[in-house]
């Protein structure tokens, strides 16, 4: 690390990352905006703490966050990992709330999360616990992003922030559009499959859009990386599902 970069890091830790106000050496909270002092890059420990907070508290800014994630998802995630966090509902709190609402909608409507020509115990278990499908997908997609974007020098926890925000929006899409549409038209496993394939491009395109704002470099290259990560994560999820099915439902 060069001397100029060391000096830049030192200056960065003496000011609030949210509003840029100066911070005294022993100051924990910014006197201007109230955000807690952020030191270093985001870690898995901070993510775990944010997840625990999600189980006990729901912020009133979630609706404004949904709008921000609709028009600038990658920028929101970038702001969060760079320390500008006071203005946003936390990514893992947001994900937990969205998954809880989505799981309730699936349970009430009977929407088939897993469709298979050979019913088995694994499919029945996942249908009863749709939240597991979402929560398994999040770390897989973050890992896929880490692999695809290895040269971008973002670590796993930072990719996890982007995936938590975008997966929350994915769940909301399913909850507010896919499930009601299926229920109102003609509930049944065949229609659920048709709707799934009809709206299939929406999620990769949205994630690519988010990556184009989140990742460094040219936006179209970042978008292609997002699509590649989606494909890799989907393949990993399918292999995992097949392996589990063979073990528990031969």
Protein backbone atom coordinates (compact mmCIF):
# COMPACT_ATOMS: atom_id res chain seq x y z
CA UNK A 1 0.00 0.00 0.00
CA UNK A 2 1.38 3.40 -0.97
CA UNK A 3 1.79 6.31 1.44
CA UNK A 4 -0.93 8.28 -0.35
CA UNK A 5 -3.42 5.42 0.05
CA UNK A 6 -2.56 5.05 3.75
CA UNK A 7 -3.16 8.78 4.24
CA UNK A 8 -6.48 8.55 2.40
CA UNK A 9 -7.63 5.70 4.63
CA UNK A 10 -6.61 7.61 7.74
CA UNK A 11 -8.59 10.67 6.64
CA UNK A 12 -11.59 8.52 5.78
CA UNK A 13 -11.79 7.15 9.34
CA UNK A 14 -11.82 10.67 10.83
CA UNK A 15 -15.00 11.71 9.01
CA UNK A 16 -18.55 10.34 8.93
CA UNK A 17 -19.00 8.12 5.88
CA UNK A 18 -22.64 9.17 5.58
CA UNK A 19 -22.43 12.98 5.64
CA UNK A 20 -18.68 13.72 5.74
CA UNK A 21 -18.75 15.59 9.06
CA UNK A 22 -15.47 15.43 11.08
CA UNK A 23 -15.26 12.90 13.93
CA UNK A 24 -13.21 13.19 17.10
CA UNK A 25 -10.91 10.22 17.97
CA UNK A 26 -13.24 8.92 20.70
CA UNK A 27 -16.52 9.84 18.98
CA UNK A 28 -18.83 6.87 18.33
CA UNK A 29 -21.75 8.61 16.64
CA UNK A 30 -21.81 11.49 14.15
CA UNK A 31 -23.06 14.70 15.73
CA UNK A 32 -24.55 15.85 12.42
CA UNK A 33 -26.50 12.88 11.05
CA UNK A 34 -26.37 10.45 13.99
CA UNK A 35 -24.88 7.49 12.11
CA UNK A 36 -22.60 5.18 14.07
CA UNK A 37 -18.91 5.45 13.18
CA UNK A 38 -17.94 2.92 10.48
CA UNK A 39 -14.42 1.50 10.58
CA UNK A 40 -13.03 -0.73 7.83
CA UNK A 41 -14.97 -2.80 5.32
CA UNK A 42 -18.17 -4.68 6.03
CA UNK A 43 -17.66 -8.15 7.57
CA UNK A 44 -19.70 -11.32 8.11
CA UNK A 45 -19.85 -10.40 11.82
CA UNK A 46 -21.68 -7.19 10.94
CA UNK A 47 -24.02 -9.10 8.66
CA UNK A 48 -24.88 -11.53 11.49
CA UNK A 49 -25.57 -8.60 13.82
CA UNK A 50 -27.79 -6.96 11.20
CA UNK A 51 -29.70 -10.22 10.74
CA UNK A 52 -30.28 -10.49 14.50
CA UNK A 53 -31.53 -6.92 14.51
CA UNK A 54 -33.99 -7.86 11.74
CA UNK A 55 -35.67 -10.35 14.03
CA UNK A 56 -36.45 -7.70 16.65
CA UNK A 57 -37.05 -4.46 14.78
CA UNK A 58 -38.77 -3.20 11.62
CA UNK A 59 -37.86 0.25 10.33
CA UNK A 60 -40.48 2.64 8.88
CA UNK A 61 -38.38 3.39 5.80
CA UNK A 62 -38.98 0.03 4.11
CA UNK A 63 -41.48 1.44 1.59
CA UNK A 64 -39.11 4.15 0.43
CA UNK A 65 -36.40 1.51 0.19
CA UNK A 66 -38.57 -0.58 -2.14
CA UNK A 67 -38.80 2.37 -4.52
CA UNK A 68 -35.04 2.96 -4.35
CA UNK A 69 -34.38 -0.73 -5.03
CA UNK A 70 -36.70 -0.59 -8.00
CA UNK A 71 -34.83 2.24 -9.75
CA UNK A 72 -31.27 2.05 -8.34
CA UNK A 73 -30.69 -1.33 -6.60
CA UNK A 74 -26.95 -1.51 -7.22
CA UNK A 75 -26.41 2.06 -6.02
CA UNK A 76 -28.27 1.30 -2.77
CA UNK A 77 -26.08 -1.75 -2.14
CA UNK A 78 -22.96 0.24 -3.01
CA UNK A 79 -23.95 2.99 -0.57
CA UNK A 80 -24.46 0.41 2.18
CA UNK A 81 -21.09 -1.31 1.83
CA UNK A 82 -19.33 2.07 1.67
CA UNK A 83 -20.81 3.10 5.02
CA UNK A 84 -23.78 5.25 4.03
CA UNK A 85 -26.24 3.11 5.98
CA UNK A 86 -28.40 5.39 8.06
CA UNK A 87 -30.59 6.34 5.09
CA UNK A 88 -31.52 2.73 4.24
CA UNK A 89 -33.34 -0.19 5.79
CA UNK A 90 -30.71 -2.92 6.33
CA UNK A 91 -30.43 -5.56 3.55
CA UNK A 92 -30.87 -8.58 5.80
CA UNK A 93 -33.73 -7.05 7.76
CA UNK A 94 -35.36 -6.26 4.42
CA UNK A 95 -34.82 -9.82 3.18
CA UNK A 96 -36.25 -11.39 6.35
CA UNK A 97 -39.39 -9.23 6.20
CA UNK A 98 -39.93 -9.96 2.49
CA UNK A 99 -39.43 -13.71 2.93
CA UNK A 100 -41.84 -13.77 5.89
CA UNK A 101 -44.52 -12.01 3.83
CA UNK A 102 -43.81 -14.22 0.81
CA UNK A 103 -43.98 -17.44 2.82
CA UNK A 104 -47.32 -16.34 4.31
CA UNK A 105 -48.71 -15.60 0.83
CA UNK A 106 -47.63 -19.04 -0.42
CA UNK A 107 -49.11 -20.79 2.60
CA UNK A 108 -52.47 -18.97 2.26
CA UNK A 109 -52.76 -19.38 -1.50
CA UNK A 110 -51.32 -22.90 -1.86
CA UNK A 111 -48.98 -21.73 -4.63
CA UNK A 112 -46.73 -24.68 -5.61
CA UNK A 113 -43.14 -23.61 -4.95
CA UNK A 114 -41.78 -26.96 -6.17
CA UNK A 115 -43.38 -28.79 -9.11
CA UNK A 116 -42.23 -32.29 -9.96
CA UNK A 117 -43.56 -35.28 -11.90
CA UNK A 118 -42.40 -37.54 -9.07
CA UNK A 119 -43.63 -36.27 -5.68
CA UNK A 120 -41.19 -37.01 -2.87
CA UNK A 121 -40.41 -36.07 0.71
CA UNK A 122 -37.94 -33.34 -0.26
CA UNK A 123 -40.44 -31.60 -2.54
CA UNK A 124 -43.11 -31.83 0.16
CA UNK A 125 -40.73 -30.39 2.76
CA UNK A 126 -39.74 -27.45 0.55
CA UNK A 127 -43.38 -26.76 -0.25
CA UNK A 128 -44.05 -26.54 3.51
CA UNK A 129 -40.96 -24.37 4.09
CA UNK A 130 -40.67 -22.04 1.06
CA UNK A 131 -38.52 -19.64 3.09
CA UNK A 132 -35.68 -22.20 2.90
CA UNK A 133 -35.66 -21.97 -0.90
CA UNK A 134 -35.02 -18.22 -0.71
CA UNK A 135 -32.47 -18.41 2.09
CA UNK A 136 -30.49 -21.17 0.37
CA UNK A 137 -30.43 -19.20 -2.88
CA UNK A 138 -28.95 -16.06 -1.25
CA UNK A 139 -25.55 -17.48 -0.16
CA UNK A 140 -25.28 -19.49 -3.39
CA UNK A 141 -25.81 -16.42 -5.56
CA UNK A 142 -23.38 -14.37 -3.45
CA UNK A 143 -20.77 -17.11 -3.89
CA UNK A 144 -21.43 -17.17 -7.64
CA UNK A 145 -20.95 -13.39 -7.77
CA UNK A 146 -17.68 -13.75 -5.88
CA UNK A 147 -16.44 -16.29 -8.42
CA UNK A 148 -17.58 -14.39 -11.52
CA UNK A 149 -16.37 -11.02 -10.19
CA UNK A 150 -13.09 -12.26 -8.71
CA UNK A 151 -11.06 -9.45 -10.30
CA UNK A 152 -13.32 -6.70 -8.94
CA UNK A 153 -11.81 -7.03 -5.44
CA UNK A 154 -15.12 -7.18 -3.62
CA UNK A 155 -15.25 -9.83 -0.92
CA UNK A 156 -18.07 -12.26 -0.16
CA UNK A 157 -19.82 -10.15 2.49
CA UNK A 158 -20.08 -7.21 0.08
CA UNK A 159 -21.65 -9.39 -2.63
CA UNK A 160 -24.00 -10.74 0.05
CA UNK A 161 -25.36 -7.22 0.62
CA UNK A 162 -26.26 -6.83 -3.07
CA UNK A 163 -27.86 -10.27 -3.21
CA UNK A 164 -29.90 -9.72 -0.02
CA UNK A 165 -31.37 -6.49 -1.37
CA UNK A 166 -32.14 -7.88 -4.83
CA UNK A 167 -33.43 -11.22 -3.54
CA UNK A 168 -35.78 -9.30 -1.27
CA UNK A 169 -37.17 -7.56 -4.34
CA UNK A 170 -37.38 -10.93 -6.11
CA UNK A 171 -39.51 -12.28 -3.27
CA UNK A 172 -41.70 -9.16 -3.36
CA UNK A 173 -42.22 -9.64 -7.11
CA UNK A 174 -43.34 -13.22 -6.54
CA UNK A 175 -45.56 -12.18 -3.62
CA UNK A 176 -47.27 -9.19 -5.27
CA UNK A 177 -47.38 -10.32 -8.92
CA UNK A 178 -46.75 -14.01 -9.50
CA UNK A 179 -48.76 -15.57 -6.64
CA UNK A 180 -51.83 -13.29 -6.98
CA UNK A 181 -51.82 -13.73 -10.77
CA UNK A 182 -51.73 -17.50 -10.40
CA UNK A 183 -54.46 -17.48 -7.76
CA UNK A 184 -56.83 -15.20 -9.68
CA UNK A 185 -56.47 -16.87 -13.10
CA UNK A 186 -56.64 -20.61 -12.43
CA UNK A 187 -54.78 -22.17 -9.49
CA UNK A 188 -52.96 -25.34 -10.43
CA UNK A 189 -49.45 -26.77 -10.94
CA UNK A 190 -49.57 -26.44 -14.74
CA UNK A 191 -50.36 -22.71 -14.61
CA UNK A 192 -47.64 -22.13 -12.01
CA UNK A 193 -45.08 -23.64 -14.39
CA UNK A 194 -46.32 -21.52 -17.31
CA UNK A 195 -46.21 -18.34 -15.25
CA UNK A 196 -42.74 -19.25 -13.99
CA UNK A 197 -41.38 -19.54 -17.52
CA UNK A 198 -43.30 -16.46 -18.70
CA UNK A 199 -41.69 -14.20 -16.08
CA UNK A 200 -38.37 -16.05 -15.97
CA UNK A 201 -36.39 -13.25 -17.74
CA UNK A 202 -37.50 -10.63 -15.20
CA UNK A 203 -35.19 -11.76 -12.39
CA UNK A 204 -31.95 -12.11 -14.45
CA UNK A 205 -32.58 -8.75 -16.13
CA UNK A 206 -33.22 -7.04 -12.81
CA UNK A 207 -30.11 -8.56 -11.23
CA UNK A 208 -28.04 -7.58 -14.27
CA UNK A 209 -29.37 -4.03 -13.91
CA UNK A 210 -28.35 -4.04 -10.23
CA UNK A 211 -24.87 -5.35 -11.04
CA UNK A 212 -24.39 -2.65 -13.68
CA UNK A 213 -24.71 -0.08 -10.87
CA UNK A 214 -22.89 -2.05 -8.19
CA UNK A 215 -19.79 -3.42 -9.87
CA UNK A 216 -16.87 -1.28 -11.09
CA UNK A 217 -16.03 -0.90 -14.76
CA UNK A 218 -18.23 -0.74 -17.81
CA UNK A 219 -21.91 -1.14 -17.08
CA UNK A 220 -22.62 -3.64 -19.85
CA UNK A 221 -19.75 -5.85 -18.68
CA UNK A 222 -21.03 -5.69 -15.10
CA UNK A 223 -24.52 -6.60 -16.33
CA UNK A 224 -23.16 -9.66 -18.15
CA UNK A 225 -21.37 -10.72 -14.97
CA UNK A 226 -24.69 -10.53 -13.17
CA UNK A 227 -26.34 -12.81 -15.72
CA UNK A 228 -23.42 -15.25 -15.49
CA UNK A 229 -23.73 -15.32 -11.69
CA UNK A 230 -27.47 -16.04 -11.95
CA UNK A 231 -26.82 -18.98 -14.30
CA UNK A 232 -24.04 -20.36 -12.09
CA UNK A 233 -26.16 -20.08 -8.92
CA UNK A 234 -29.15 -21.71 -10.63
CA UNK A 235 -26.99 -24.63 -11.75
CA UNK A 236 -25.57 -25.02 -8.24
CA UNK A 237 -29.07 -24.95 -6.72
CA UNK A 238 -30.31 -27.61 -9.15
CA UNK A 239 -27.34 -29.87 -8.39
CA UNK A 240 -27.87 -29.40 -4.67
CA UNK A 241 -31.56 -30.23 -4.98
CA UNK A 242 -30.83 -33.36 -7.01
CA UNK A 243 -28.20 -34.52 -4.49
CA UNK A 244 -30.51 -33.99 -1.51
CA UNK A 245 -33.40 -35.73 -3.30
CA UNK A 246 -31.26 -38.77 -4.04
CA UNK A 247 -30.17 -39.03 -0.41
CA UNK A 248 -33.50 -38.41 1.34
CA UNK A 249 -36.00 -39.49 -1.31
CA UNK A 250 -34.47 -42.30 -3.35
